[in-house]
N, C-alpha and C. Protein backbone atom coordinates (compact mmCIF):
# COMPACT_ATOMS: atom_id res chain seq x y z
N UNK A 1 168.59 38.33 112.41
CA UNK A 1 169.32 39.58 112.57
C UNK A 1 170.29 39.75 111.40
N UNK A 2 170.33 40.95 110.87
CA UNK A 2 171.26 41.24 109.78
C UNK A 2 172.39 42.12 110.27
N UNK A 3 173.47 42.15 109.49
CA UNK A 3 174.61 42.98 109.81
C UNK A 3 174.56 44.23 108.94
N UNK A 4 174.86 45.38 109.57
CA UNK A 4 174.77 46.66 108.89
C UNK A 4 175.93 47.56 109.30
N UNK A 5 176.12 48.61 108.53
CA UNK A 5 177.11 49.64 108.86
C UNK A 5 176.47 51.00 108.64
N UNK A 6 176.65 51.89 109.61
CA UNK A 6 176.24 53.28 109.45
C UNK A 6 177.53 54.08 109.30
N UNK A 7 177.54 55.02 108.35
CA UNK A 7 178.77 55.76 108.03
C UNK A 7 178.43 57.23 107.78
N UNK A 8 179.16 58.12 108.46
CA UNK A 8 179.08 59.53 108.12
C UNK A 8 180.48 59.99 107.76
N UNK A 9 180.65 61.28 107.54
CA UNK A 9 181.96 61.76 107.10
C UNK A 9 183.02 61.65 108.18
N UNK A 10 182.62 61.45 109.43
CA UNK A 10 183.58 61.37 110.53
C UNK A 10 183.91 59.96 110.98
N UNK A 11 183.16 58.98 110.55
CA UNK A 11 183.41 57.61 110.98
C UNK A 11 182.19 56.75 110.78
N UNK A 12 182.20 55.60 111.43
CA UNK A 12 181.09 54.69 111.26
C UNK A 12 181.06 53.64 112.35
N UNK A 13 180.07 52.79 112.26
CA UNK A 13 179.90 51.72 113.25
C UNK A 13 179.17 50.55 112.60
N UNK A 14 179.63 49.35 112.90
CA UNK A 14 178.94 48.14 112.49
C UNK A 14 177.96 47.75 113.59
N UNK A 15 176.81 47.21 113.21
CA UNK A 15 175.79 46.82 114.19
C UNK A 15 174.89 45.77 113.59
N UNK A 16 174.06 45.18 114.43
CA UNK A 16 173.07 44.20 113.98
C UNK A 16 171.68 44.78 114.21
N UNK A 17 170.78 44.46 113.31
CA UNK A 17 169.40 44.91 113.43
C UNK A 17 168.49 43.85 112.84
N UNK A 18 167.23 43.88 113.26
CA UNK A 18 166.26 42.89 112.82
C UNK A 18 165.98 42.96 111.32
N UNK A 19 165.94 44.20 110.77
CA UNK A 19 165.64 44.36 109.35
C UNK A 19 166.12 45.74 108.91
N UNK A 20 165.86 46.06 107.64
CA UNK A 20 166.32 47.34 107.09
C UNK A 20 165.70 48.53 107.81
N UNK A 21 164.43 48.45 108.14
CA UNK A 21 163.75 49.54 108.83
C UNK A 21 164.40 49.80 110.19
N UNK A 22 164.69 48.73 110.91
CA UNK A 22 165.35 48.86 112.21
C UNK A 22 166.77 49.40 112.04
N UNK A 23 167.44 49.03 110.95
CA UNK A 23 168.80 49.53 110.69
C UNK A 23 168.78 51.04 110.44
N UNK A 24 167.82 51.52 109.69
CA UNK A 24 167.70 52.95 109.42
C UNK A 24 167.36 53.71 110.70
N UNK A 25 166.49 53.15 111.53
CA UNK A 25 166.15 53.78 112.81
C UNK A 25 167.38 53.84 113.72
N UNK A 26 168.16 52.77 113.75
CA UNK A 26 169.38 52.74 114.55
C UNK A 26 170.34 53.84 114.09
N UNK A 27 170.46 54.01 112.80
CA UNK A 27 171.38 55.01 112.25
C UNK A 27 171.00 56.42 112.70
N UNK A 28 169.71 56.72 112.76
CA UNK A 28 169.27 58.04 113.24
C UNK A 28 169.65 58.23 114.71
N UNK A 29 169.44 57.20 115.51
CA UNK A 29 169.82 57.29 116.93
C UNK A 29 171.33 57.41 117.09
N UNK A 30 172.07 56.74 116.24
CA UNK A 30 173.53 56.83 116.26
C UNK A 30 173.97 58.27 116.00
N UNK A 31 173.35 58.93 115.04
CA UNK A 31 173.67 60.33 114.77
C UNK A 31 173.33 61.21 115.96
N UNK A 32 172.14 61.01 116.54
CA UNK A 32 171.73 61.82 117.70
C UNK A 32 172.67 61.65 118.89
N UNK A 33 173.28 60.47 119.02
CA UNK A 33 174.11 60.18 120.18
C UNK A 33 175.54 60.65 120.08
N UNK A 34 175.92 61.26 118.98
CA UNK A 34 177.30 61.71 118.82
C UNK A 34 177.66 62.85 119.76
N UNK A 35 178.92 63.07 119.94
CA UNK A 35 179.37 64.17 120.81
C UNK A 35 179.62 65.40 119.94
N UNK A 36 178.54 66.07 119.59
CA UNK A 36 178.57 67.21 118.70
C UNK A 36 178.67 68.50 119.49
N UNK A 37 179.19 69.53 118.85
CA UNK A 37 179.15 70.88 119.42
C UNK A 37 177.70 71.33 119.32
N UNK A 38 177.04 71.44 120.45
CA UNK A 38 175.60 71.73 120.46
C UNK A 38 175.31 73.22 120.70
N UNK A 39 176.21 74.11 120.23
CA UNK A 39 175.97 75.54 120.39
C UNK A 39 175.14 76.12 119.24
N UNK A 40 174.83 75.30 118.25
CA UNK A 40 174.03 75.77 117.12
C UNK A 40 173.23 74.60 116.54
N UNK A 41 172.22 74.93 115.75
CA UNK A 41 171.43 73.91 115.07
C UNK A 41 172.34 73.11 114.16
N UNK A 42 172.19 71.79 114.22
CA UNK A 42 172.99 70.90 113.39
C UNK A 42 172.09 70.04 112.51
N UNK A 43 172.50 69.87 111.26
CA UNK A 43 171.86 68.92 110.37
C UNK A 43 172.90 67.85 110.09
N UNK A 44 172.58 66.63 110.40
CA UNK A 44 173.54 65.53 110.27
C UNK A 44 172.99 64.46 109.34
N UNK A 45 173.87 63.84 108.59
CA UNK A 45 173.46 62.78 107.68
C UNK A 45 174.42 61.62 107.72
N UNK A 46 173.90 60.44 107.43
CA UNK A 46 174.72 59.22 107.37
C UNK A 46 174.13 58.28 106.33
N UNK A 47 174.96 57.36 105.90
CA UNK A 47 174.54 56.34 104.94
C UNK A 47 174.55 54.99 105.64
N UNK A 48 173.57 54.16 105.31
CA UNK A 48 173.46 52.82 105.92
C UNK A 48 173.69 51.78 104.82
N UNK A 49 174.54 50.81 105.16
CA UNK A 49 174.87 49.72 104.25
C UNK A 49 174.52 48.39 104.91
N UNK A 50 174.14 47.42 104.10
CA UNK A 50 174.08 46.06 104.61
C UNK A 50 175.48 45.47 104.47
N UNK A 51 175.81 44.51 105.32
CA UNK A 51 177.14 43.89 105.30
C UNK A 51 177.00 42.39 105.06
N UNK A 52 178.03 41.82 104.44
CA UNK A 52 178.04 40.37 104.24
C UNK A 52 178.55 39.68 105.51
N UNK A 53 178.68 38.39 105.47
CA UNK A 53 179.10 37.63 106.65
C UNK A 53 180.50 37.99 107.13
N UNK A 54 181.35 38.52 106.24
CA UNK A 54 182.70 38.91 106.62
C UNK A 54 182.77 40.35 107.12
N UNK A 55 181.64 41.04 107.13
CA UNK A 55 181.60 42.42 107.61
C UNK A 55 181.90 43.46 106.54
N UNK A 56 182.00 43.04 105.29
CA UNK A 56 182.24 43.98 104.19
C UNK A 56 180.90 44.54 103.72
N UNK A 57 180.90 45.82 103.32
CA UNK A 57 179.65 46.42 102.85
C UNK A 57 179.18 45.70 101.59
N UNK A 58 177.90 45.43 101.57
CA UNK A 58 177.29 44.64 100.52
C UNK A 58 176.43 45.52 99.62
N UNK A 59 175.53 46.28 100.24
CA UNK A 59 174.56 47.07 99.48
C UNK A 59 174.23 48.34 100.26
N UNK A 60 174.09 49.45 99.54
CA UNK A 60 173.69 50.71 100.15
C UNK A 60 172.18 50.69 100.34
N UNK A 61 171.74 50.80 101.62
CA UNK A 61 170.31 50.77 101.90
C UNK A 61 169.67 52.14 101.74
N UNK A 62 170.40 53.18 102.10
CA UNK A 62 169.84 54.51 102.01
C UNK A 62 170.53 55.47 102.94
N UNK A 63 170.03 56.68 102.95
CA UNK A 63 170.58 57.74 103.80
C UNK A 63 169.56 58.12 104.85
N UNK A 64 170.08 58.59 105.98
CA UNK A 64 169.23 59.11 107.05
C UNK A 64 169.76 60.48 107.43
N UNK A 65 168.89 61.32 107.97
CA UNK A 65 169.32 62.62 108.47
C UNK A 65 168.52 62.98 109.70
N UNK A 66 169.14 63.79 110.55
CA UNK A 66 168.48 64.28 111.75
C UNK A 66 168.84 65.75 111.92
N UNK A 67 167.97 66.47 112.59
CA UNK A 67 168.23 67.86 112.96
C UNK A 67 168.32 67.90 114.48
N UNK A 68 169.41 68.48 114.97
CA UNK A 68 169.61 68.63 116.41
C UNK A 68 169.57 70.11 116.76
N UNK A 69 168.65 70.47 117.62
CA UNK A 69 168.58 71.85 118.08
C UNK A 69 169.67 72.07 119.13
N UNK A 70 170.16 73.30 119.25
CA UNK A 70 171.24 73.54 120.20
C UNK A 70 170.75 73.47 121.65
N UNK A 71 171.69 73.14 122.53
CA UNK A 71 171.41 73.23 123.96
C UNK A 71 171.47 74.69 124.35
N UNK A 72 170.49 75.16 125.11
CA UNK A 72 170.52 76.53 125.58
C UNK A 72 171.54 76.61 126.72
N UNK A 73 172.58 77.41 126.54
CA UNK A 73 173.60 77.50 127.59
C UNK A 73 173.03 78.08 128.88
N UNK A 74 173.65 77.74 129.98
CA UNK A 74 173.25 78.31 131.26
C UNK A 74 173.49 79.80 131.30
N UNK A 75 172.72 80.47 132.12
CA UNK A 75 172.83 81.91 132.30
C UNK A 75 173.19 82.18 133.76
N UNK A 76 173.84 83.29 134.03
CA UNK A 76 174.17 83.64 135.42
C UNK A 76 172.91 84.04 136.18
N UNK A 77 171.89 84.48 135.47
CA UNK A 77 170.61 84.80 136.09
C UNK A 77 169.73 83.56 136.13
N UNK A 78 168.48 83.75 136.51
CA UNK A 78 167.54 82.62 136.54
C UNK A 78 167.32 82.05 135.14
N UNK A 79 167.25 82.94 134.16
CA UNK A 79 167.10 82.54 132.77
C UNK A 79 167.56 83.70 131.89
N UNK A 80 167.80 83.39 130.61
CA UNK A 80 168.22 84.43 129.68
C UNK A 80 167.09 85.44 129.46
N UNK A 81 167.44 86.69 129.38
CA UNK A 81 166.51 87.76 129.04
C UNK A 81 167.07 88.39 127.77
N UNK A 82 166.46 88.03 126.64
CA UNK A 82 166.98 88.46 125.34
C UNK A 82 166.50 89.85 125.01
N UNK A 83 167.46 90.71 124.64
CA UNK A 83 167.16 92.10 124.30
C UNK A 83 167.85 92.45 122.98
N UNK A 84 167.47 93.61 122.43
CA UNK A 84 168.01 94.04 121.14
C UNK A 84 168.49 95.49 121.20
N UNK A 85 169.56 95.76 121.95
CA UNK A 85 170.06 97.15 122.00
C UNK A 85 170.77 97.52 120.69
N UNK A 86 170.32 98.60 120.09
CA UNK A 86 170.85 99.04 118.81
C UNK A 86 172.36 99.29 118.87
N UNK A 87 172.84 99.91 119.94
CA UNK A 87 174.26 100.27 120.01
C UNK A 87 175.17 99.04 120.15
N UNK A 88 174.62 97.89 120.51
CA UNK A 88 175.41 96.65 120.60
C UNK A 88 175.28 95.85 119.30
N UNK A 89 174.07 95.76 118.78
CA UNK A 89 173.78 94.85 117.67
C UNK A 89 173.81 95.49 116.30
N UNK A 90 173.62 96.79 116.24
CA UNK A 90 173.56 97.46 114.95
C UNK A 90 172.21 97.23 114.28
N UNK A 91 172.15 97.59 113.02
CA UNK A 91 170.89 97.44 112.28
C UNK A 91 170.14 98.75 112.23
N UNK A 92 168.86 98.66 111.97
CA UNK A 92 168.02 99.85 111.88
C UNK A 92 167.41 100.18 113.24
N UNK A 93 167.20 101.44 113.47
CA UNK A 93 166.61 101.90 114.73
C UNK A 93 165.26 101.23 114.99
N UNK A 94 164.48 101.04 113.93
CA UNK A 94 163.15 100.45 114.05
C UNK A 94 163.19 98.94 114.32
N UNK A 95 164.32 98.30 114.01
CA UNK A 95 164.41 96.85 114.15
C UNK A 95 165.86 96.44 114.41
N UNK A 96 166.40 96.80 115.58
CA UNK A 96 167.81 96.52 115.85
C UNK A 96 168.12 95.04 115.87
N UNK A 97 169.30 94.70 115.34
CA UNK A 97 169.77 93.32 115.36
C UNK A 97 169.15 92.43 114.31
N UNK A 98 168.36 92.98 113.40
CA UNK A 98 167.68 92.19 112.36
C UNK A 98 168.25 92.57 111.00
N UNK A 99 168.69 91.55 110.25
CA UNK A 99 169.31 91.78 108.95
C UNK A 99 168.74 90.79 107.94
N UNK A 100 168.58 91.21 106.70
CA UNK A 100 168.08 90.33 105.65
C UNK A 100 169.04 89.17 105.41
N UNK A 101 168.47 88.00 105.10
CA UNK A 101 169.28 86.80 104.87
C UNK A 101 168.55 85.91 103.87
N UNK A 102 168.89 86.05 102.60
CA UNK A 102 168.21 85.24 101.58
C UNK A 102 166.73 85.56 101.56
N UNK A 103 165.91 84.55 101.79
CA UNK A 103 164.46 84.74 101.81
C UNK A 103 163.92 85.01 103.20
N UNK A 104 164.79 85.18 104.17
CA UNK A 104 164.36 85.41 105.55
C UNK A 104 165.18 86.50 106.21
N UNK A 105 165.33 86.38 107.52
CA UNK A 105 166.11 87.35 108.28
C UNK A 105 167.02 86.63 109.27
N UNK A 106 168.05 87.33 109.66
CA UNK A 106 168.95 86.88 110.70
C UNK A 106 168.75 87.84 111.87
N UNK A 107 168.37 87.28 113.02
CA UNK A 107 168.04 88.08 114.20
C UNK A 107 169.09 87.83 115.27
N UNK A 108 169.78 88.89 115.68
CA UNK A 108 170.79 88.77 116.73
C UNK A 108 170.26 89.48 117.97
N UNK A 109 170.35 88.77 119.10
CA UNK A 109 169.91 89.31 120.38
C UNK A 109 171.02 89.08 121.40
N UNK A 110 170.95 89.82 122.49
CA UNK A 110 171.95 89.67 123.54
C UNK A 110 171.22 89.54 124.88
N UNK A 111 171.73 88.67 125.74
CA UNK A 111 171.11 88.46 127.05
C UNK A 111 171.54 89.57 128.00
N UNK A 112 170.57 90.21 128.63
CA UNK A 112 170.88 91.30 129.56
C UNK A 112 171.34 90.78 130.92
N UNK A 113 171.35 89.48 131.10
CA UNK A 113 171.84 88.90 132.36
C UNK A 113 173.30 88.47 132.27
N UNK A 114 173.69 87.88 131.11
CA UNK A 114 175.04 87.31 131.00
C UNK A 114 175.84 87.79 129.80
N UNK A 115 175.21 88.49 128.85
CA UNK A 115 175.93 89.02 127.70
C UNK A 115 176.07 88.06 126.53
N UNK A 116 175.56 86.84 126.66
CA UNK A 116 175.62 85.87 125.56
C UNK A 116 174.72 86.34 124.42
N UNK A 117 175.09 85.96 123.20
CA UNK A 117 174.30 86.29 122.02
C UNK A 117 173.52 85.06 121.55
N UNK A 118 172.35 85.33 120.96
CA UNK A 118 171.58 84.30 120.29
C UNK A 118 171.30 84.82 118.88
N UNK A 119 171.63 84.00 117.89
CA UNK A 119 171.39 84.37 116.50
C UNK A 119 170.41 83.36 115.90
N UNK A 120 169.29 83.88 115.41
CA UNK A 120 168.27 83.05 114.76
C UNK A 120 168.25 83.40 113.28
N UNK A 121 168.42 82.40 112.43
CA UNK A 121 168.39 82.59 110.99
C UNK A 121 167.14 81.89 110.47
N UNK A 122 166.24 82.67 109.88
CA UNK A 122 164.98 82.09 109.38
C UNK A 122 165.08 81.59 107.94
N UNK A 123 166.29 81.65 107.36
CA UNK A 123 166.48 81.16 105.99
C UNK A 123 167.79 80.37 105.93
N UNK A 124 167.96 79.46 106.86
CA UNK A 124 169.18 78.66 106.93
C UNK A 124 169.15 77.56 105.88
N UNK A 125 170.34 77.09 105.53
CA UNK A 125 170.50 76.01 104.55
C UNK A 125 170.89 74.73 105.27
N UNK A 126 170.18 73.66 104.98
CA UNK A 126 170.52 72.34 105.50
C UNK A 126 171.67 71.80 104.64
N UNK A 127 172.88 71.66 105.20
CA UNK A 127 174.01 71.22 104.39
C UNK A 127 173.93 69.75 103.95
N UNK A 128 173.08 68.97 104.58
CA UNK A 128 172.94 67.56 104.20
C UNK A 128 172.29 67.43 102.83
N UNK A 129 171.25 68.26 102.57
CA UNK A 129 170.55 68.12 101.30
C UNK A 129 170.44 69.42 100.50
N UNK A 130 171.00 70.52 101.04
CA UNK A 130 171.01 71.80 100.32
C UNK A 130 169.71 72.57 100.34
N UNK A 131 168.69 72.09 101.04
CA UNK A 131 167.42 72.81 101.08
C UNK A 131 167.55 74.06 101.94
N UNK A 132 166.79 75.08 101.57
CA UNK A 132 166.81 76.35 102.29
C UNK A 132 165.45 76.61 102.92
N UNK A 133 165.42 77.65 103.75
CA UNK A 133 164.17 78.04 104.39
C UNK A 133 163.98 77.44 105.76
N UNK A 134 165.05 76.84 106.29
CA UNK A 134 164.98 76.26 107.63
C UNK A 134 165.31 77.33 108.67
N UNK A 135 164.95 77.09 109.90
CA UNK A 135 165.33 77.98 111.00
C UNK A 135 166.47 77.36 111.76
N UNK A 136 167.50 78.16 111.99
CA UNK A 136 168.62 77.70 112.81
C UNK A 136 168.84 78.69 113.94
N UNK A 137 169.40 78.18 115.03
CA UNK A 137 169.73 79.01 116.19
C UNK A 137 171.17 78.72 116.57
N UNK A 138 171.90 79.78 116.90
CA UNK A 138 173.28 79.63 117.37
C UNK A 138 173.46 80.50 118.60
N UNK A 139 174.21 79.99 119.57
CA UNK A 139 174.55 80.75 120.77
C UNK A 139 176.02 81.11 120.70
N UNK A 140 176.32 82.38 120.90
CA UNK A 140 177.69 82.87 120.80
C UNK A 140 178.09 83.43 122.17
N UNK A 141 179.26 83.05 122.66
CA UNK A 141 179.68 83.52 123.99
C UNK A 141 179.74 85.04 124.07
N UNK A 142 179.55 85.53 125.28
CA UNK A 142 179.65 86.97 125.55
C UNK A 142 181.06 87.44 125.23
N UNK A 143 181.17 88.71 124.91
CA UNK A 143 182.48 89.31 124.71
C UNK A 143 182.49 90.67 125.40
N UNK A 144 183.59 91.38 125.30
CA UNK A 144 183.79 92.59 126.10
C UNK A 144 182.66 93.60 125.96
N UNK A 145 182.21 93.84 124.74
CA UNK A 145 181.16 94.84 124.52
C UNK A 145 179.87 94.46 125.23
N UNK A 146 179.45 93.21 125.08
CA UNK A 146 178.18 92.80 125.71
C UNK A 146 178.33 92.71 127.23
N UNK A 147 179.48 92.29 127.71
CA UNK A 147 179.70 92.23 129.17
C UNK A 147 179.71 93.62 129.79
N UNK A 148 180.30 94.60 129.10
CA UNK A 148 180.28 95.99 129.59
C UNK A 148 178.85 96.50 129.65
N UNK A 149 178.05 96.19 128.63
CA UNK A 149 176.66 96.61 128.59
C UNK A 149 175.87 96.01 129.76
N UNK A 150 176.06 94.71 130.02
CA UNK A 150 175.38 94.04 131.13
C UNK A 150 175.77 94.71 132.45
N UNK A 151 177.05 94.99 132.62
CA UNK A 151 177.51 95.63 133.86
C UNK A 151 176.87 97.01 134.02
N UNK A 152 176.78 97.77 132.94
CA UNK A 152 176.14 99.09 133.00
C UNK A 152 174.66 98.97 133.36
N UNK A 153 173.99 98.00 132.78
CA UNK A 153 172.57 97.78 133.10
C UNK A 153 172.36 97.51 134.58
N UNK A 154 173.15 96.59 135.10
CA UNK A 154 172.98 96.19 136.50
C UNK A 154 173.43 97.30 137.45
N UNK A 155 174.43 98.08 137.05
CA UNK A 155 174.88 99.20 137.87
C UNK A 155 173.78 100.26 137.95
N UNK A 156 173.12 100.53 136.80
CA UNK A 156 172.06 101.54 136.79
C UNK A 156 170.84 101.05 137.57
N UNK A 157 170.57 99.73 137.56
CA UNK A 157 169.44 99.19 138.34
C UNK A 157 169.70 99.35 139.83
N UNK A 158 170.92 99.11 140.27
CA UNK A 158 171.29 99.26 141.69
C UNK A 158 171.12 100.70 142.11
N UNK A 159 171.58 101.64 141.26
CA UNK A 159 171.45 103.06 141.59
C UNK A 159 170.00 103.52 141.57
N UNK A 160 169.16 102.94 140.71
CA UNK A 160 167.74 103.28 140.65
C UNK A 160 167.00 102.83 141.90
N UNK A 161 167.49 101.78 142.56
CA UNK A 161 166.83 101.27 143.75
C UNK A 161 167.11 102.11 144.99
N UNK A 162 168.04 103.01 144.94
CA UNK A 162 168.41 103.81 146.13
C UNK A 162 167.44 104.92 146.39
């Protein structure tokens, strides 16, 4: 068993692993296990070092990275129903809530059950390595405009059932 250290910009941890391959695998799991804000796609990176017998870093083994998709927040309904109302999201009449973003688009939708927003960026940048063209998703809490819209929708549905 060898001694290793995994380090990211927020901290690190010393651990033991059978070999370098196992140390790199451990580092990826360490990143996945962090208590991250999971409301949006995250790209995380860390560096792995071998350590000497005194626990001091000896040699840089390499870097690892992981992508964590966001947790889909709970909805007051059975599930989110994503819609694209022009008067809430803006944009063009033919494609509400869709805006150009580098080589892709940024798509904003709102849930007709709870008013939460979902933003999908088809040209996101991975901050770990600077590469572009990734897809990211972010969930944004409801606010007054979207909550008023949801209330109007449900009020009109109740009146339509009479």
